[in-house]
């Protein structure tokens, strides 16, 4: 298995917003590390697209801007977190999650319901090569 270097999606995010899109073409699985500081409070959702060009994740999905929220697996206990629900964070923490990116081209994270703190999100892509 080939692992790529961590790619930052958010670095000290302190507001609602869309993270940097990560290219995941030819990637089977992405492991995501969430870390918070300053008693971060907010929800983090993960979005994926099959489009060749990166969609505008800040705009609603449409026939010409195709993306959707996707589930992730919590690597601590194996539980599934539904894409439309996201990961609700209310304190300083570190979480490791897994996303099946097989067949996708782009992924990102989106923060909503932000009230405090900072969020750091990194993605590590793995393939079976």
Protein backbone atom coordinates (compact mmCIF):
# COMPACT_ATOMS: atom_id res chain seq x y z
CA UNK A 1 0.00 0.00 0.00
CA UNK A 2 1.28 3.43 -0.95
CA UNK A 3 0.58 6.33 1.45
CA UNK A 4 0.98 9.93 0.39
CA UNK A 5 2.16 12.73 2.66
CA UNK A 6 -0.54 14.44 4.73
CA UNK A 7 -2.36 17.19 2.85
CA UNK A 8 -3.92 20.04 4.82
CA UNK A 9 -7.60 20.76 4.25
CA UNK A 10 -7.91 23.24 7.14
CA UNK A 11 -5.12 24.91 9.11
CA UNK A 12 -6.40 26.78 12.18
CA UNK A 13 -9.89 27.28 10.73
CA UNK A 14 -11.83 29.59 13.02
CA UNK A 15 -15.12 30.14 11.17
CA UNK A 16 -17.74 28.38 9.09
CA UNK A 17 -16.32 27.57 5.67
CA UNK A 18 -15.12 25.18 3.01
CA UNK A 19 -11.68 23.60 3.16
CA UNK A 20 -9.12 23.18 0.41
CA UNK A 21 -10.21 20.53 -2.13
CA UNK A 22 -7.93 17.49 -2.23
CA UNK A 23 -7.45 15.49 -5.43
CA UNK A 24 -8.11 11.80 -4.74
CA UNK A 25 -8.09 10.29 -8.23
CA UNK A 26 -6.60 6.75 -8.10
CA UNK A 27 -6.92 6.71 -4.30
CA UNK A 28 -8.78 3.90 -2.58
CA UNK A 29 -8.95 5.19 0.99
CA UNK A 30 -8.31 8.50 2.74
CA UNK A 31 -7.55 8.74 6.45
CA UNK A 32 -8.48 12.09 7.93
CA UNK A 33 -7.01 13.55 11.09
CA UNK A 34 -9.08 16.17 12.93
CA UNK A 35 -7.45 18.16 15.71
CA UNK A 36 -8.97 21.05 17.61
CA UNK A 37 -7.71 23.80 19.90
CA UNK A 38 -9.29 26.59 21.91
CA UNK A 39 -12.33 24.44 22.76
CA UNK A 40 -13.45 24.23 19.15
CA UNK A 41 -17.22 23.99 18.77
CA UNK A 42 -18.78 23.21 15.42
CA UNK A 43 -19.72 20.48 12.96
CA UNK A 44 -17.39 19.09 10.29
CA UNK A 45 -18.88 17.37 7.26
CA UNK A 46 -16.99 15.70 4.44
CA UNK A 47 -17.88 16.19 0.78
CA UNK A 48 -16.86 14.22 -2.29
CA UNK A 49 -17.17 14.71 -6.03
CA UNK A 50 -16.75 12.51 -9.11
CA UNK A 51 -16.31 15.51 -11.44
CA UNK A 52 -13.06 15.82 -13.39
CA UNK A 53 -12.66 19.49 -12.41
CA UNK A 54 -13.04 20.48 -8.77
CA UNK A 55 -16.60 21.54 -7.98
CA UNK A 56 -17.36 24.68 -6.05
CA UNK A 57 -18.06 23.11 -2.66
CA UNK A 58 -19.24 26.53 -1.38
CA UNK A 59 -22.24 26.41 -3.74
CA UNK A 60 -25.14 23.97 -3.49
CA UNK A 61 -24.87 20.72 -5.45
CA UNK A 62 -26.46 20.83 -8.91
CA UNK A 63 -26.25 19.02 -12.26
CA UNK A 64 -23.24 21.20 -13.15
CA UNK A 65 -21.72 21.31 -9.63
CA UNK A 66 -21.88 17.68 -8.54
CA UNK A 67 -20.89 16.85 -4.98
CA UNK A 68 -22.46 15.30 -1.91
CA UNK A 69 -21.73 14.77 1.76
CA UNK A 70 -20.30 11.32 2.48
CA UNK A 71 -20.05 9.07 5.51
CA UNK A 72 -16.83 8.49 7.40
CA UNK A 73 -15.79 5.72 9.77
CA UNK A 74 -14.47 6.64 13.23
CA UNK A 75 -11.24 4.66 13.60
CA UNK A 76 -11.49 4.71 17.40
CA UNK A 77 -14.59 2.51 17.60
CA UNK A 78 -15.57 1.65 14.02
CA UNK A 79 -18.82 3.60 14.13
CA UNK A 80 -20.26 5.15 10.99
CA UNK A 81 -20.90 8.90 10.88
CA UNK A 82 -23.51 9.82 8.28
CA UNK A 83 -22.42 12.43 5.75
CA UNK A 84 -25.43 14.67 6.33
CA UNK A 85 -24.82 14.58 10.11
CA UNK A 86 -21.07 15.20 10.18
CA UNK A 87 -18.78 15.11 13.18
CA UNK A 88 -19.99 17.32 16.01
CA UNK A 89 -17.06 18.65 18.07
CA UNK A 90 -17.37 20.55 21.34
CA UNK A 91 -13.94 20.42 23.00
CA UNK A 92 -10.24 20.00 22.32
CA UNK A 93 -9.79 16.60 20.71
CA UNK A 94 -8.06 14.53 18.07
CA UNK A 95 -10.12 12.19 15.87
CA UNK A 96 -9.00 9.85 13.11
CA UNK A 97 -11.54 8.97 10.44
CA UNK A 98 -11.54 6.88 7.28
CA UNK A 99 -13.27 7.71 4.00
CA UNK A 100 -13.77 5.36 1.06
CA UNK A 101 -12.60 7.49 -1.87
CA UNK A 102 -12.53 4.68 -4.44
CA UNK A 103 -13.74 6.18 -7.75
CA UNK A 104 -13.89 9.78 -6.49
CA UNK A 105 -11.87 12.72 -7.79
CA UNK A 106 -12.19 15.40 -5.08
CA UNK A 107 -12.86 15.66 -1.37
CA UNK A 108 -12.98 18.44 1.18
CA UNK A 109 -14.30 19.29 4.63
CA UNK A 110 -16.96 21.88 5.44
CA UNK A 111 -17.42 23.57 8.82
CA UNK A 112 -20.86 24.71 9.97
CA UNK A 113 -22.32 25.78 13.30
CA UNK A 114 -18.97 27.27 14.36
CA UNK A 115 -18.89 29.10 17.69
CA UNK A 116 -15.32 28.86 19.05
CA UNK A 117 -11.78 27.53 18.68
CA UNK A 118 -9.60 26.33 15.84
CA UNK A 119 -9.80 23.28 13.58
CA UNK A 120 -6.96 21.47 11.83
CA UNK A 121 -7.77 18.81 9.22
CA UNK A 122 -5.24 16.74 7.28
CA UNK A 123 -5.85 13.95 4.77
CA UNK A 124 -3.58 10.99 3.96
CA UNK A 125 -4.43 9.14 0.76
CA UNK A 126 -3.68 5.43 0.30
CA UNK A 127 -3.77 3.24 -2.77
CA UNK A 128 -3.21 -0.45 -3.40
CA UNK A 129 -0.21 0.11 -5.66
